[in-house]
Amino acid sequence: MRIKKGDTVYILAGKNKSTKEKPRTGRVLWVDVAKGQILVEGINVVKKHQRPTQKNPKGGLVSKEQPIHISNVALYDSGSGGPAKFTSKVIDEGGHKRRVRISKRTGEEI
């Protein structure tokens, strides 16, 4: 799984898909590796009827995000303003090795 929590993603398919006039992006809130789904902030928002509880005594309609399949998103490249193809590279920083993702289009770290 190449997309992690906290990444900014570009929506490729679904009811909230991006267009050239209106690119849709969002921050990943969580990733479910087993099901291949992710939850993106502000994307795939549905209204749900909520019955009154002690936490929400009024009840009513509640808006919440629903998960989408990971194949419907791509990492967002802020340099090019669109979806990114990327490669990984191992960087040695003072004896500590870490893997970073590099955009193929701009050459910057994602």
Protein backbone atom coordinates (compact mmCIF):
# COMPACT_ATOMS: atom_id res chain seq x y z
CA MET A 1 0.00 0.00 0.00
CA ARG A 2 1.66 3.21 -1.14
CA ILE A 3 -0.76 5.74 0.33
CA LYS A 4 -0.43 6.52 4.02
CA LYS A 5 -2.36 8.44 6.64
CA GLY A 6 -1.77 12.18 6.28
CA ASP A 7 -1.03 12.10 2.52
CA THR A 8 -2.85 14.45 0.19
CA VAL A 9 -4.60 12.53 -2.58
CA TYR A 10 -6.19 13.43 -5.93
CA ILE A 11 -9.60 11.83 -6.59
CA LEU A 12 -9.59 9.95 -9.92
CA ALA A 13 -13.03 8.27 -9.97
CA GLY A 14 -16.41 8.28 -8.24
CA LYS A 15 -19.05 10.92 -7.60
CA ASN A 16 -16.41 13.38 -6.32
CA LYS A 17 -13.88 12.86 -9.11
CA SER A 18 -11.57 15.67 -10.16
CA THR A 19 -11.84 17.61 -13.38
CA LYS A 20 -9.48 20.11 -14.97
CA GLU A 21 -11.77 22.96 -13.93
CA LYS A 22 -12.33 21.62 -10.42
CA PRO A 23 -9.54 19.43 -9.03
CA ARG A 24 -10.70 17.55 -5.93
CA THR A 25 -8.10 16.70 -3.31
CA GLY A 26 -8.21 15.72 0.35
CA ARG A 27 -6.14 14.53 3.27
CA VAL A 28 -6.19 10.81 4.14
CA LEU A 29 -7.67 10.22 7.60
CA TRP A 30 -7.18 6.44 7.80
CA VAL A 31 -6.24 3.47 5.62
CA ASP A 32 -7.75 -0.04 5.78
CA VAL A 33 -5.14 -2.29 4.19
CA ALA A 34 -7.23 -5.49 4.40
CA LYS A 35 -10.18 -4.01 2.48
CA GLY A 36 -8.13 -1.64 0.31
CA GLN A 37 -10.14 1.39 1.39
CA ILE A 38 -9.25 4.86 2.61
CA LEU A 39 -11.15 7.69 4.28
CA VAL A 40 -10.52 11.09 2.71
CA GLU A 41 -11.43 14.33 4.46
CA GLY A 42 -14.34 16.12 2.72
CA ILE A 43 -14.79 13.45 0.02
CA ASN A 44 -17.74 11.00 -0.31
CA VAL A 45 -19.76 12.80 2.36
CA VAL A 46 -23.20 11.30 3.06
CA LYS A 47 -26.03 12.34 5.34
CA LYS A 48 -27.02 9.78 7.95
CA HIS A 49 -30.08 9.78 10.19
CA GLN A 50 -28.91 9.68 13.81
CA ARG A 51 -31.27 8.78 16.63
CA PRO A 52 -30.95 10.76 19.87
CA THR A 53 -28.28 9.48 22.27
CA GLN A 54 -26.66 10.81 25.45
CA LYS A 55 -23.78 12.24 23.38
CA ASN A 56 -26.13 13.76 20.79
CA PRO A 57 -29.48 14.34 22.56
CA LYS A 58 -31.00 16.17 19.60
CA GLY A 59 -30.31 13.52 16.95
CA GLY A 60 -31.21 14.41 13.36
CA LEU A 61 -29.14 14.35 10.17
CA VAL A 62 -25.38 13.94 10.53
CA SER A 63 -22.89 14.41 7.67
CA LYS A 64 -19.95 12.01 7.65
CA GLU A 65 -17.31 10.74 5.25
CA GLN A 66 -17.51 7.21 3.89
CA PRO A 67 -14.49 5.19 2.74
CA ILE A 68 -13.56 4.90 -0.94
CA HIS A 69 -11.47 2.30 -2.73
CA ILE A 70 -7.76 3.01 -2.93
CA SER A 71 -7.73 2.50 -6.71
CA ASN A 72 -9.88 5.64 -7.11
CA VAL A 73 -7.17 7.97 -5.78
CA ALA A 74 -3.59 8.95 -6.61
CA LEU A 75 -1.02 10.88 -4.63
CA TYR A 76 -1.25 14.62 -5.24
CA ASP A 77 1.81 16.41 -6.57
CA SER A 78 1.66 20.05 -5.44
CA GLY A 79 4.41 21.02 -7.88
CA SER A 80 2.46 19.99 -10.97
CA GLY A 81 -1.01 20.44 -9.48
CA GLY A 82 -2.27 16.99 -10.41
CA PRO A 83 -1.88 13.29 -9.74
CA ALA A 84 1.68 12.06 -9.28
CA LYS A 85 3.60 9.05 -10.46
CA PHE A 86 6.41 8.48 -8.05
CA THR A 87 9.41 6.35 -7.24
CA SER A 88 10.98 5.58 -3.89
CA LYS A 89 14.54 6.25 -2.87
CA VAL A 90 16.55 5.40 0.26
CA ILE A 91 18.29 8.39 1.87
CA ASP A 92 21.03 8.06 4.49
CA GLU A 93 20.74 10.83 7.10
CA GLY A 94 23.45 10.65 9.74
CA GLY A 95 23.50 6.87 9.95
CA HIS A 96 19.71 6.53 9.76
CA LYS A 97 18.23 5.27 6.53
CA ARG A 98 14.75 6.33 5.48
CA ARG A 99 12.70 5.74 2.38
CA VAL A 100 11.21 8.79 0.64
CA ARG A 101 8.81 9.11 -2.29
CA ILE A 102 10.03 11.22 -5.20
CA SER A 103 7.69 12.62 -7.91
CA LYS A 104 8.72 11.46 -11.38
CA ARG A 105 7.39 14.65 -12.97
CA THR A 106 8.99 17.30 -10.73
CA GLY A 107 11.72 15.35 -8.93
CA GLU A 108 10.60 16.70 -5.53
CA GLU A 109 9.90 14.71 -2.39
CA ILE A 110 6.21 14.04 -1.81
